[in-house]
Amino acid sequence: MKSYYLKTTRVFSPFRKYAWLFILLVAFGGLWYPKLGLLMIPMVIALALFGFFKEKYWCGNICPHGSLFDYLILPISANRKIPAFLKSKPVRYLAFGWFMFMLGSRLLKVLSLYETAPFLDRLGFIFVMNYFVVTMVGTILAFLISPRTWCSFCPMGTFQNIAYRVGRLLGIAQKTNRKVTITDPAKCINCAKCARVCPMQLTPYLEFSQSNQMSNDSCIACASCIENCPVKILAFRRDGNLPANIEGEREKVIAR
């Protein structure tokens, strides 16, 4: 049976296209040289900052695992529908809670070695093993189900959602984040192509808010829907950066 979802080529910057090489360096190279795992510390800090200002932009444009799944695995993935329960908030927050508990408990054990020779190796190895396990699990799910199956409940994705909420509460993120926006609702032909090419299997054409913006917190700002829209009415816009008459146009589309 032919899959509903399309294996359309994703949007790749030169960096994103080869970001998966970082996985080879840390998840595999770190098995021989554990200190490579320490590279994960600045990565997590950068991820948190991107989350604070731009929600899940990291996931769709920088993440090495996203690069692996979209660039290398997509062509050979089964590309099936991601089970709904894996995308549910209970599963996402349970995965986040479990990940943080396991990481925290291991870090506490290693801290007892602080100022001893093995400390940096042991600390780095914690991050190496976490990255290795994520790579193995994510790759298996990508092959058997869909490339971004792991991303549906990835703890770091949830972490970015939390960081973004903090950014919004402080009134900062609204000024820096860009959301997928339907710029001319009257031209939408309801072809559903935006849904069929979405790596996260969202349904943009059915999910635009009253301000005609995509507010689903699983959106990774990858631009796949924008690039593949046949009538070219999708774009990234800052919150509220919309034409004055757009709400009336939206009501016409709904009425249709």
Protein backbone atom coordinates (compact mmCIF):
# COMPACT_ATOMS: atom_id res chain seq x y z
CA MET A 1 0.00 0.00 0.00
CA LYS A 2 1.36 3.39 -1.00
CA SER A 3 2.15 5.68 1.92
CA TYR A 4 0.09 8.84 2.39
CA TYR A 5 3.29 10.66 3.32
CA LEU A 6 5.65 11.82 0.59
CA LYS A 7 9.41 11.33 0.57
CA THR A 8 9.96 14.85 -0.68
CA THR A 9 13.52 16.13 -0.43
CA ARG A 10 13.87 18.24 2.69
CA VAL A 11 15.29 21.75 2.78
CA PHE A 12 19.02 21.54 3.52
CA SER A 13 21.56 24.22 4.23
CA PRO A 14 25.18 23.11 3.64
CA PHE A 15 25.55 22.80 7.43
CA ARG A 16 22.40 20.77 7.97
CA LYS A 17 23.21 18.41 5.12
CA TYR A 18 26.35 17.17 6.87
CA ALA A 19 25.50 17.79 10.53
CA TRP A 20 25.05 14.02 10.96
CA LEU A 21 28.86 13.71 10.92
CA PHE A 22 28.79 15.04 14.50
CA ILE A 23 27.09 11.78 15.49
CA LEU A 24 30.04 9.77 14.17
CA LEU A 25 32.39 11.98 16.16
CA VAL A 26 30.58 11.80 19.52
CA ALA A 27 28.37 8.70 19.59
CA PHE A 28 30.99 6.44 18.01
CA GLY A 29 34.32 8.24 18.39
CA GLY A 30 33.45 8.83 22.03
CA LEU A 31 33.46 5.08 22.68
CA TRP A 32 37.26 5.23 22.23
CA TYR A 33 37.86 8.77 23.46
CA PRO A 34 35.17 9.59 26.06
CA LYS A 35 36.14 13.25 26.43
CA LEU A 36 34.45 13.84 23.07
CA GLY A 37 31.19 13.55 24.98
CA LEU A 38 31.98 16.88 26.63
CA LEU A 39 31.09 18.50 23.30
CA MET A 40 27.49 17.79 24.26
CA ILE A 41 27.60 20.39 27.03
CA PRO A 42 27.89 23.46 24.75
CA MET A 43 25.45 21.76 22.37
CA VAL A 44 22.79 21.49 25.08
CA ILE A 45 23.38 25.13 26.04
CA ALA A 46 22.98 26.19 22.40
CA LEU A 47 19.87 24.05 22.08
CA ALA A 48 18.33 25.72 25.14
CA LEU A 49 19.09 29.19 23.76
CA PHE A 50 17.55 28.37 20.40
CA GLY A 51 14.53 26.98 22.22
CA PHE A 52 14.19 30.16 24.28
CA PHE A 53 14.21 32.42 21.22
CA LYS A 54 12.96 30.24 18.35
CA GLU A 55 11.19 27.19 19.84
CA LYS A 56 12.10 24.02 17.88
CA TYR A 57 14.12 25.68 15.11
CA TRP A 58 17.12 23.64 16.24
CA CYS A 59 15.27 20.39 15.51
CA GLY A 60 14.49 21.30 11.92
CA ASN A 61 17.68 23.11 10.95
CA ILE A 62 20.67 22.19 13.13
CA CYS A 63 20.14 18.91 15.00
CA PRO A 64 22.61 16.21 13.87
CA HIS A 65 20.02 13.49 14.39
CA GLY A 66 17.54 15.45 12.29
CA SER A 67 20.19 15.60 9.57
CA LEU A 68 20.73 11.84 9.81
CA PHE A 69 17.03 11.03 9.67
CA ASP A 70 16.11 13.45 6.88
CA TYR A 71 19.19 13.17 4.67
CA LEU A 72 20.36 9.56 4.98
CA ILE A 73 17.41 7.53 6.24
CA LEU A 74 14.39 9.17 4.56
CA PRO A 75 15.05 7.54 1.15
CA ILE A 76 14.98 4.04 2.67
CA SER A 77 12.48 4.57 5.49
CA ALA A 78 9.12 2.77 5.55
CA ASN A 79 7.64 6.28 5.98
CA ARG A 80 4.55 5.02 7.77
CA LYS A 81 2.21 6.97 10.01
CA ILE A 82 3.72 7.72 13.42
CA PRO A 83 1.52 6.16 16.15
CA ALA A 84 -0.56 8.86 17.82
CA PHE A 85 0.41 7.82 21.34
CA LEU A 86 4.09 8.55 20.62
CA LYS A 87 3.16 12.14 19.82
CA SER A 88 0.94 12.58 22.88
CA LYS A 89 1.95 14.99 25.64
CA PRO A 90 1.91 12.31 28.38
CA VAL A 91 4.47 10.23 26.45
CA ARG A 92 6.57 13.29 25.62
CA TYR A 93 6.73 14.45 29.24
CA LEU A 94 7.28 10.93 30.58
CA ALA A 95 10.21 10.55 28.18
CA PHE A 96 11.57 13.93 29.27
CA GLY A 97 11.16 13.10 32.98
CA TRP A 98 12.82 9.69 32.61
CA PHE A 99 15.69 11.14 30.59
CA MET A 100 16.35 13.91 33.12
CA PHE A 101 16.15 11.48 36.04
CA MET A 102 18.61 9.04 34.48
CA LEU A 103 20.99 11.78 33.37
CA GLY A 104 20.82 13.53 36.73
CA SER A 105 21.46 10.36 38.75
CA ARG A 106 24.49 9.48 36.61
CA LEU A 107 25.89 12.99 36.88
CA LEU A 108 25.57 12.90 40.67
CA LYS A 109 27.58 9.68 40.81
CA VAL A 110 30.31 11.09 38.60
CA LEU A 111 30.54 14.31 40.63
CA SER A 112 32.01 12.25 43.46
CA LEU A 113 35.09 11.89 41.24
CA TYR A 114 35.55 15.65 40.84
CA GLU A 115 39.22 16.71 40.90
CA THR A 116 40.37 13.16 40.22
CA ALA A 117 42.04 11.93 37.01
CA PRO A 118 39.08 9.87 35.68
CA PHE A 119 36.51 12.65 36.17
CA LEU A 120 36.45 14.15 32.66
CA ASP A 121 36.49 10.74 30.98
CA ARG A 122 33.62 9.49 33.13
CA LEU A 123 31.64 12.70 32.64
CA GLY A 124 32.15 12.62 28.89
CA PHE A 125 31.20 8.96 28.70
CA ILE A 126 27.78 9.70 30.20
CA PHE A 127 27.00 11.99 27.28
CA VAL A 128 28.55 9.59 24.78
CA MET A 129 26.32 6.74 25.91
CA ASN A 130 23.21 8.93 25.96
CA TYR A 131 23.96 10.07 22.42
CA PHE A 132 24.75 6.53 21.29
CA VAL A 133 21.47 5.13 22.66
CA VAL A 134 19.45 7.96 21.09
CA THR A 135 21.17 7.27 17.77
CA MET A 136 20.40 3.55 17.90
CA VAL A 137 16.77 3.93 19.01
CA GLY A 138 16.09 6.85 16.68
CA THR A 139 17.61 5.06 13.69
CA ILE A 140 15.59 1.88 14.24
CA LEU A 141 12.36 3.87 14.55
CA ALA A 142 13.30 5.90 11.47
CA PHE A 143 13.74 2.74 9.41
CA LEU A 144 10.65 0.91 10.64
CA ILE A 145 8.14 3.75 10.97
CA SER A 146 9.08 7.25 9.84
CA PRO A 147 12.31 9.30 9.86
CA ARG A 148 11.16 11.67 12.58
CA THR A 149 9.46 9.13 14.86
CA TRP A 150 12.02 9.66 17.63
CA CYS A 151 11.62 13.42 17.27
CA SER A 152 7.93 13.08 18.18
CA PHE A 153 8.86 12.42 21.81
CA CYS A 154 12.53 13.44 21.96
CA PRO A 155 13.37 14.81 25.44
CA MET A 156 15.42 17.62 23.92
CA GLY A 157 12.46 18.69 21.82
CA THR A 158 10.35 18.90 24.97
CA PHE A 159 13.17 20.81 26.64
CA GLN A 160 13.02 23.37 23.83
CA ASN A 161 9.25 23.69 24.22
CA ILE A 162 9.75 24.48 27.91
CA ALA A 163 12.50 27.00 27.14
CA TYR A 164 10.25 28.67 24.57
CA ARG A 165 7.42 29.04 27.09
CA VAL A 166 9.84 30.83 29.39
CA GLY A 167 10.83 33.09 26.50
CA ARG A 168 7.19 33.91 25.82
CA LEU A 169 6.45 34.60 29.47
CA LEU A 170 9.29 37.12 29.45
CA GLY A 171 7.92 38.71 26.28
CA ILE A 172 11.07 37.97 24.29
CA ALA A 173 10.31 34.95 22.11
CA GLN A 174 7.40 36.65 20.34
CA LYS A 175 9.88 39.11 18.87
CA THR A 176 12.37 36.52 17.67
CA ASN A 177 10.41 33.42 16.65
CA ARG A 178 8.96 32.92 13.18
CA LYS A 179 5.94 30.72 12.55
CA VAL A 180 4.58 29.08 9.44
CA THR A 181 1.87 31.46 8.23
CA ILE A 182 -0.75 31.20 5.51
CA THR A 183 -0.41 34.55 3.76
CA ASP A 184 -3.47 34.32 1.51
CA PRO A 185 -6.07 31.86 2.88
CA ALA A 186 -8.43 32.41 -0.06
CA LYS A 187 -5.92 30.74 -2.37
CA CYS A 188 -5.64 27.54 -0.32
CA ILE A 189 -6.87 24.58 -2.41
CA ASN A 190 -6.92 22.12 0.53
CA CYS A 191 -4.63 19.73 -1.34
CA ALA A 192 -3.05 18.61 1.96
CA LYS A 193 0.42 18.54 0.46
CA CYS A 194 1.74 20.53 3.42
CA ALA A 195 0.62 17.64 5.64
CA ARG A 196 1.94 14.93 3.35
CA VAL A 197 5.47 16.38 3.28
CA CYS A 198 5.68 17.37 6.96
CA PRO A 199 8.47 15.38 8.69
CA MET A 200 6.52 15.56 11.96
CA GLN A 201 3.30 14.49 10.21
CA LEU A 202 1.40 17.61 11.24
CA THR A 203 -1.52 18.98 9.25
CA PRO A 204 -0.78 22.69 8.71
CA TYR A 205 -3.76 23.38 6.43
CA LEU A 206 -6.09 22.24 9.24
CA GLU A 207 -4.19 23.75 12.16
CA PHE A 208 -3.78 27.44 11.45
CA SER A 209 -4.83 29.57 14.41
CA GLN A 210 -7.14 32.58 14.30
CA SER A 211 -4.09 34.63 13.37
CA ASN A 212 -3.43 32.22 10.48
CA GLN A 213 -0.24 30.91 11.99
CA MET A 214 0.91 27.40 12.80
CA SER A 215 0.88 27.14 16.59
CA ASN A 216 1.48 23.40 16.99
CA ASP A 217 4.41 23.02 19.39
CA SER A 218 5.69 20.03 17.40
CA CYS A 219 6.50 22.20 14.38
CA ILE A 220 10.26 22.18 13.77
CA ALA A 221 10.38 25.15 11.36
CA CYS A 222 12.02 23.03 8.66
CA ALA A 223 10.25 24.84 5.77
CA SER A 224 9.21 21.60 4.03
CA CYS A 225 5.59 22.74 3.83
CA ILE A 226 6.60 26.20 2.63
CA GLU A 227 8.81 24.87 -0.17
CA ASN A 228 6.25 22.29 -1.32
CA CYS A 229 3.05 24.37 -1.23
CA PRO A 230 1.79 24.29 -4.86
CA VAL A 231 0.19 27.75 -4.62
CA LYS A 232 3.05 29.31 -2.62
CA ILE A 233 0.95 30.85 0.14
CA LEU A 234 3.00 29.64 3.12
CA ALA A 235 5.83 31.65 4.66
CA PHE A 236 7.61 32.33 7.94
CA ARG A 237 6.25 35.38 9.74
CA ARG A 238 6.75 36.85 13.19
CA ASP A 239 3.78 36.66 15.54
CA GLY A 240 1.16 39.18 14.43
CA ASN A 241 2.99 40.14 11.21
CA LEU A 242 -0.11 39.68 9.06
CA PRO A 243 -2.18 41.72 6.57
CA ALA A 244 -5.06 43.58 8.17
CA ASN A 245 -7.75 41.77 6.12
CA ILE A 246 -6.40 38.25 6.58
CA GLU A 247 -8.96 37.19 9.20
CA GLY A 248 -11.82 37.89 6.86
CA GLU A 249 -10.12 35.84 4.15
CA ARG A 250 -9.67 32.97 6.58
CA GLU A 251 -13.39 32.90 7.36
CA LYS A 252 -14.14 32.65 3.64
CA VAL A 253 -11.91 29.59 3.34
CA ILE A 254 -13.56 27.90 6.32
CA ALA A 255 -16.98 28.61 4.86
CA ARG A 256 -15.91 26.93 1.63
